[in-house]
Amino acid sequence: MADVFQAAFRGSVAPTAEDVDRSLVSELRKIFDIPVLTLQCAPCTEVRRVRRAVLRTDLEAAVLQLPATEKLLFLMHDLDGYPHDHIARLLGMTERESQLGLHQARLRLRELLPQ
């Protein structure tokens, strides 16, 4: 986290929240294999309905199996509440690609959750 804030303050005397987010994504790309833009999920073969309680441990295990971009989209949007326009700017994609990637991540999670 120190590297994130140092990078944000190197770029500006008073960085905005978006500057800090951009620094965080940059640091994450150094540590993890997060491509600039790849929606790597193959199309889902079936759409399952999840109409039951899902164990947190099952959801965490399923999220870990998502490709890097889809995982980041899911975490940023559904967990942290970032809007698609903000995610798109941070990840260097269009807002539509962010929406499609999140949709694909949710479909994939349904496939990965135990029945």
N, C-alpha and C. Protein backbone atom coordinates (compact mmCIF):
# COMPACT_ATOMS: atom_id res chain seq x y z
N MET A 1 0.82 -1.19 0.00
CA MET A 1 0.00 0.00 0.00
C MET A 1 0.87 1.25 0.00
N ALA A 2 2.02 1.17 0.67
CA ALA A 2 2.91 2.33 0.69
C ALA A 2 3.32 2.70 -0.73
N ASP A 3 3.62 1.70 -1.56
CA ASP A 3 4.01 1.97 -2.95
C ASP A 3 2.87 2.64 -3.72
N VAL A 4 1.65 2.23 -3.44
CA VAL A 4 0.49 2.81 -4.10
C VAL A 4 0.40 4.30 -3.79
N PHE A 5 0.48 4.64 -2.50
CA PHE A 5 0.35 6.05 -2.12
C PHE A 5 1.56 6.87 -2.56
N GLN A 6 2.74 6.28 -2.52
CA GLN A 6 3.92 7.01 -2.99
C GLN A 6 3.78 7.34 -4.47
N ALA A 7 3.32 6.37 -5.25
CA ALA A 7 3.14 6.61 -6.69
C ALA A 7 2.07 7.66 -6.93
N ALA A 8 0.99 7.61 -6.16
CA ALA A 8 -0.08 8.59 -6.33
C ALA A 8 0.41 9.99 -6.00
N PHE A 9 1.19 10.13 -4.94
CA PHE A 9 1.68 11.45 -4.54
C PHE A 9 2.85 11.93 -5.39
N ARG A 10 3.55 11.00 -6.05
CA ARG A 10 4.58 11.42 -6.99
C ARG A 10 3.96 12.12 -8.19
N GLY A 11 2.77 11.67 -8.57
CA GLY A 11 2.08 12.24 -9.73
C GLY A 11 1.35 13.53 -9.45
N SER A 12 1.06 13.81 -8.17
CA SER A 12 0.28 14.99 -7.84
C SER A 12 0.48 15.34 -6.37
N VAL A 13 0.46 16.62 -6.08
CA VAL A 13 0.58 17.06 -4.69
C VAL A 13 -0.67 16.69 -3.90
N ALA A 14 -1.82 16.75 -4.57
CA ALA A 14 -3.09 16.39 -3.93
C ALA A 14 -3.82 15.41 -4.84
N PRO A 15 -3.44 14.11 -4.80
CA PRO A 15 -4.06 13.15 -5.70
C PRO A 15 -5.53 12.92 -5.38
N THR A 16 -6.30 12.68 -6.42
CA THR A 16 -7.72 12.36 -6.26
C THR A 16 -7.86 10.87 -5.94
N ALA A 17 -9.07 10.47 -5.62
CA ALA A 17 -9.34 9.05 -5.37
C ALA A 17 -9.03 8.24 -6.63
N GLU A 18 -9.33 8.81 -7.79
CA GLU A 18 -9.03 8.10 -9.04
C GLU A 18 -7.53 7.94 -9.25
N ASP A 19 -6.73 8.93 -8.86
CA ASP A 19 -5.27 8.81 -8.95
C ASP A 19 -4.78 7.66 -8.09
N VAL A 20 -5.33 7.54 -6.89
CA VAL A 20 -4.94 6.45 -5.99
C VAL A 20 -5.38 5.12 -6.57
N ASP A 21 -6.59 5.06 -7.11
CA ASP A 21 -7.07 3.83 -7.74
C ASP A 21 -6.18 3.44 -8.91
N ARG A 22 -5.79 4.41 -9.73
CA ARG A 22 -4.94 4.14 -10.88
C ARG A 22 -3.58 3.59 -10.41
N SER A 23 -3.05 4.15 -9.34
CA SER A 23 -1.79 3.66 -8.77
C SER A 23 -1.95 2.23 -8.25
N LEU A 24 -3.10 1.95 -7.63
CA LEU A 24 -3.35 0.61 -7.13
C LEU A 24 -3.41 -0.41 -8.27
N VAL A 25 -4.12 -0.08 -9.33
CA VAL A 25 -4.21 -1.00 -10.47
C VAL A 25 -2.82 -1.20 -11.08
N SER A 26 -2.04 -0.15 -11.14
CA SER A 26 -0.68 -0.26 -11.67
C SER A 26 0.17 -1.20 -10.81
N GLU A 27 0.06 -1.07 -9.50
CA GLU A 27 0.81 -1.96 -8.60
C GLU A 27 0.31 -3.40 -8.70
N LEU A 28 -1.00 -3.57 -8.82
CA LEU A 28 -1.55 -4.92 -8.96
C LEU A 28 -1.04 -5.59 -10.23
N ARG A 29 -0.91 -4.80 -11.30
CA ARG A 29 -0.40 -5.36 -12.56
C ARG A 29 1.06 -5.80 -12.43
N LYS A 30 1.82 -5.15 -11.55
CA LYS A 30 3.21 -5.56 -11.32
C LYS A 30 3.28 -6.88 -10.57
N ILE A 31 2.33 -7.10 -9.67
CA ILE A 31 2.35 -8.28 -8.81
C ILE A 31 1.64 -9.46 -9.44
N PHE A 32 0.48 -9.21 -10.05
CA PHE A 32 -0.34 -10.27 -10.63
C PHE A 32 -0.37 -10.13 -12.14
N ASP A 33 -0.68 -11.22 -12.79
CA ASP A 33 -0.79 -11.21 -14.24
C ASP A 33 -2.16 -10.68 -14.63
N ILE A 34 -2.28 -9.35 -14.64
CA ILE A 34 -3.53 -8.71 -15.04
C ILE A 34 -3.27 -8.04 -16.37
N PRO A 35 -3.78 -8.62 -17.43
CA PRO A 35 -3.54 -8.02 -18.74
C PRO A 35 -4.24 -6.68 -18.87
N VAL A 36 -3.77 -5.89 -19.81
CA VAL A 36 -4.39 -4.59 -20.04
C VAL A 36 -5.86 -4.78 -20.39
N LEU A 37 -6.15 -5.68 -21.29
CA LEU A 37 -7.55 -5.99 -21.61
C LEU A 37 -7.61 -7.35 -22.27
N THR A 38 -8.16 -8.28 -21.57
CA THR A 38 -8.50 -9.56 -22.18
C THR A 38 -9.73 -10.08 -21.46
N LEU A 39 -10.75 -10.29 -22.17
CA LEU A 39 -11.92 -10.95 -21.63
C LEU A 39 -11.78 -12.40 -22.06
N GLN A 40 -11.14 -13.19 -21.18
CA GLN A 40 -10.68 -14.51 -21.55
C GLN A 40 -11.69 -15.63 -21.36
N CYS A 41 -12.81 -15.35 -20.81
CA CYS A 41 -13.79 -16.41 -20.59
C CYS A 41 -14.35 -16.87 -21.93
N ALA A 42 -14.36 -18.18 -22.10
CA ALA A 42 -15.10 -18.72 -23.24
C ALA A 42 -16.58 -18.53 -22.93
N PRO A 43 -17.40 -18.43 -23.94
CA PRO A 43 -18.84 -18.27 -23.66
C PRO A 43 -19.34 -19.38 -22.75
N CYS A 44 -20.18 -19.03 -21.82
CA CYS A 44 -20.75 -20.01 -20.89
C CYS A 44 -21.63 -20.99 -21.68
N THR A 45 -21.56 -22.24 -21.29
CA THR A 45 -22.32 -23.25 -22.00
C THR A 45 -23.73 -23.41 -21.45
N GLU A 46 -23.92 -23.03 -20.21
CA GLU A 46 -25.26 -23.10 -19.64
C GLU A 46 -25.40 -21.98 -18.61
N VAL A 47 -26.62 -21.59 -18.42
CA VAL A 47 -26.90 -20.55 -17.43
C VAL A 47 -27.66 -21.19 -16.29
N ARG A 48 -27.04 -21.23 -15.14
CA ARG A 48 -27.68 -21.81 -13.97
C ARG A 48 -28.29 -20.71 -13.13
N ARG A 49 -29.39 -21.01 -12.56
CA ARG A 49 -30.02 -20.08 -11.63
C ARG A 49 -29.51 -20.40 -10.24
N VAL A 50 -29.15 -19.36 -9.54
CA VAL A 50 -28.70 -19.54 -8.16
C VAL A 50 -29.78 -18.94 -7.27
N ARG A 51 -30.67 -19.77 -6.81
CA ARG A 51 -31.79 -19.32 -5.99
C ARG A 51 -31.69 -19.92 -4.59
N ARG A 52 -30.48 -20.00 -4.09
CA ARG A 52 -30.29 -20.55 -2.76
C ARG A 52 -29.16 -19.77 -2.09
N ALA A 53 -29.01 -19.99 -0.82
CA ALA A 53 -27.92 -19.34 -0.10
C ALA A 53 -26.60 -19.95 -0.57
N VAL A 54 -25.63 -19.09 -0.82
CA VAL A 54 -24.31 -19.54 -1.26
C VAL A 54 -23.34 -19.32 -0.10
N LEU A 55 -22.56 -20.34 0.21
CA LEU A 55 -21.57 -20.19 1.26
C LEU A 55 -20.47 -19.24 0.80
N ARG A 56 -20.04 -18.41 1.71
CA ARG A 56 -18.99 -17.45 1.38
C ARG A 56 -17.73 -18.16 0.88
N THR A 57 -17.39 -19.26 1.50
CA THR A 57 -16.18 -19.99 1.09
C THR A 57 -16.33 -20.52 -0.34
N ASP A 58 -17.53 -20.95 -0.72
CA ASP A 58 -17.76 -21.41 -2.09
C ASP A 58 -17.64 -20.26 -3.08
N LEU A 59 -18.17 -19.10 -2.71
CA LEU A 59 -18.08 -17.94 -3.59
C LEU A 59 -16.63 -17.50 -3.74
N GLU A 60 -15.88 -17.45 -2.64
CA GLU A 60 -14.47 -17.06 -2.71
C GLU A 60 -13.68 -18.02 -3.60
N ALA A 61 -13.93 -19.32 -3.46
CA ALA A 61 -13.23 -20.30 -4.29
C ALA A 61 -13.58 -20.12 -5.77
N ALA A 62 -14.83 -19.82 -6.05
CA ALA A 62 -15.25 -19.60 -7.43
C ALA A 62 -14.62 -18.34 -8.01
N VAL A 63 -14.58 -17.26 -7.23
CA VAL A 63 -13.98 -16.01 -7.69
C VAL A 63 -12.50 -16.21 -8.03
N LEU A 64 -11.81 -16.99 -7.23
CA LEU A 64 -10.39 -17.25 -7.48
C LEU A 64 -10.15 -17.95 -8.81
N GLN A 65 -11.14 -18.66 -9.30
CA GLN A 65 -10.99 -19.39 -10.56
C GLN A 65 -11.27 -18.54 -11.80
N LEU A 66 -11.78 -17.33 -11.61
CA LEU A 66 -12.06 -16.46 -12.75
C LEU A 66 -10.76 -15.98 -13.39
N PRO A 67 -10.76 -15.74 -14.71
CA PRO A 67 -9.61 -15.11 -15.35
C PRO A 67 -9.37 -13.72 -14.74
N ALA A 68 -8.16 -13.23 -14.84
CA ALA A 68 -7.74 -12.02 -14.13
C ALA A 68 -8.64 -10.81 -14.38
N THR A 69 -8.94 -10.51 -15.62
CA THR A 69 -9.74 -9.32 -15.92
C THR A 69 -11.15 -9.45 -15.37
N GLU A 70 -11.76 -10.61 -15.58
CA GLU A 70 -13.12 -10.82 -15.08
C GLU A 70 -13.16 -10.77 -13.55
N LYS A 71 -12.14 -11.32 -12.92
CA LYS A 71 -12.07 -11.28 -11.46
C LYS A 71 -11.98 -9.84 -10.97
N LEU A 72 -11.14 -9.05 -11.60
CA LEU A 72 -11.00 -7.65 -11.20
C LEU A 72 -12.29 -6.88 -11.44
N LEU A 73 -12.95 -7.11 -12.56
CA LEU A 73 -14.23 -6.44 -12.84
C LEU A 73 -15.27 -6.80 -11.78
N PHE A 74 -15.36 -8.07 -11.45
CA PHE A 74 -16.34 -8.52 -10.44
C PHE A 74 -16.04 -7.88 -9.09
N LEU A 75 -14.79 -7.93 -8.67
CA LEU A 75 -14.43 -7.38 -7.36
C LEU A 75 -14.65 -5.87 -7.30
N MET A 76 -14.23 -5.16 -8.35
CA MET A 76 -14.36 -3.71 -8.33
C MET A 76 -15.83 -3.28 -8.37
N HIS A 77 -16.63 -3.95 -9.19
CA HIS A 77 -18.03 -3.52 -9.34
C HIS A 77 -18.92 -4.06 -8.23
N ASP A 78 -18.93 -5.38 -8.06
CA ASP A 78 -19.90 -5.99 -7.15
C ASP A 78 -19.47 -5.91 -5.68
N LEU A 79 -18.19 -5.91 -5.40
CA LEU A 79 -17.76 -5.82 -4.01
C LEU A 79 -17.48 -4.40 -3.58
N ASP A 80 -16.75 -3.65 -4.41
CA ASP A 80 -16.35 -2.30 -4.02
C ASP A 80 -17.29 -1.22 -4.51
N GLY A 81 -18.20 -1.56 -5.40
CA GLY A 81 -19.20 -0.60 -5.84
C GLY A 81 -18.74 0.44 -6.85
N TYR A 82 -17.65 0.16 -7.56
CA TYR A 82 -17.20 1.10 -8.58
C TYR A 82 -18.17 1.09 -9.76
N PRO A 83 -18.50 2.25 -10.32
CA PRO A 83 -19.34 2.28 -11.52
C PRO A 83 -18.53 1.88 -12.75
N HIS A 84 -19.22 1.43 -13.78
CA HIS A 84 -18.53 0.94 -14.98
C HIS A 84 -17.66 2.00 -15.65
N ASP A 85 -18.09 3.25 -15.67
CA ASP A 85 -17.27 4.28 -16.32
C ASP A 85 -15.93 4.43 -15.61
N HIS A 86 -15.93 4.34 -14.30
CA HIS A 86 -14.70 4.46 -13.51
C HIS A 86 -13.80 3.24 -13.74
N ILE A 87 -14.38 2.06 -13.73
CA ILE A 87 -13.62 0.83 -13.98
C ILE A 87 -12.99 0.88 -15.37
N ALA A 88 -13.77 1.31 -16.34
CA ALA A 88 -13.28 1.38 -17.72
C ALA A 88 -12.06 2.29 -17.83
N ARG A 89 -12.12 3.44 -17.19
CA ARG A 89 -10.97 4.36 -17.23
C ARG A 89 -9.75 3.74 -16.57
N LEU A 90 -9.95 3.09 -15.44
CA LEU A 90 -8.82 2.49 -14.71
C LEU A 90 -8.17 1.34 -15.47
N LEU A 91 -8.98 0.55 -16.14
CA LEU A 91 -8.46 -0.65 -16.80
C LEU A 91 -8.18 -0.45 -18.28
N GLY A 92 -8.48 0.74 -18.80
CA GLY A 92 -8.18 1.01 -20.20
C GLY A 92 -9.08 0.25 -21.16
N MET A 93 -10.37 0.22 -20.85
CA MET A 93 -11.33 -0.45 -21.72
C MET A 93 -12.54 0.45 -21.87
N THR A 94 -13.46 0.04 -22.72
CA THR A 94 -14.68 0.82 -22.86
C THR A 94 -15.64 0.44 -21.74
N GLU A 95 -16.61 1.30 -21.52
CA GLU A 95 -17.63 1.01 -20.51
C GLU A 95 -18.41 -0.24 -20.90
N ARG A 96 -18.67 -0.40 -22.17
CA ARG A 96 -19.40 -1.58 -22.66
C ARG A 96 -18.61 -2.86 -22.40
N GLU A 97 -17.29 -2.80 -22.62
CA GLU A 97 -16.45 -3.98 -22.34
C GLU A 97 -16.47 -4.31 -20.85
N SER A 98 -16.49 -3.29 -20.01
CA SER A 98 -16.59 -3.51 -18.57
C SER A 98 -17.89 -4.21 -18.22
N GLN A 99 -18.98 -3.77 -18.81
CA GLN A 99 -20.29 -4.38 -18.56
C GLN A 99 -20.34 -5.82 -19.05
N LEU A 100 -19.82 -6.05 -20.25
CA LEU A 100 -19.83 -7.40 -20.81
C LEU A 100 -18.93 -8.33 -20.00
N GLY A 101 -17.78 -7.84 -19.58
CA GLY A 101 -16.87 -8.65 -18.78
C GLY A 101 -17.47 -9.03 -17.44
N LEU A 102 -18.18 -8.09 -16.82
CA LEU A 102 -18.83 -8.37 -15.55
C LEU A 102 -19.95 -9.39 -15.74
N HIS A 103 -20.72 -9.23 -16.80
CA HIS A 103 -21.79 -10.19 -17.08
C HIS A 103 -21.20 -11.59 -17.26
N GLN A 104 -20.13 -11.69 -18.03
CA GLN A 104 -19.50 -12.98 -18.27
C GLN A 104 -18.94 -13.55 -16.97
N ALA A 105 -18.38 -12.71 -16.11
CA ALA A 105 -17.86 -13.18 -14.82
C ALA A 105 -18.98 -13.74 -13.95
N ARG A 106 -20.11 -13.07 -13.95
CA ARG A 106 -21.25 -13.56 -13.15
C ARG A 106 -21.77 -14.90 -13.68
N LEU A 107 -21.85 -15.03 -15.01
CA LEU A 107 -22.27 -16.30 -15.59
C LEU A 107 -21.28 -17.41 -15.23
N ARG A 108 -20.01 -17.11 -15.33
CA ARG A 108 -18.98 -18.10 -15.00
C ARG A 108 -19.06 -18.49 -13.53
N LEU A 109 -19.31 -17.53 -12.65
CA LEU A 109 -19.44 -17.85 -11.23
C LEU A 109 -20.58 -18.83 -10.99
N ARG A 110 -21.68 -18.64 -11.70
CA ARG A 110 -22.80 -19.57 -11.56
C ARG A 110 -22.40 -20.98 -11.94
N GLU A 111 -21.57 -21.11 -12.98
CA GLU A 111 -21.08 -22.42 -13.40
C GLU A 111 -20.15 -23.02 -12.35
N LEU A 112 -19.35 -22.18 -11.70
CA LEU A 112 -18.33 -22.65 -10.78
C LEU A 112 -18.86 -22.96 -9.38
N LEU A 113 -20.01 -22.38 -9.02
CA LEU A 113 -20.55 -22.64 -7.69
C LEU A 113 -21.08 -24.08 -7.62
N PRO A 114 -20.83 -24.73 -6.49
CA PRO A 114 -21.33 -26.11 -6.35
C PRO A 114 -22.85 -26.15 -6.40
N GLN A 115 -23.36 -27.23 -6.95
CA GLN A 115 -24.82 -27.40 -7.07
C GLN A 115 -25.42 -27.78 -5.74
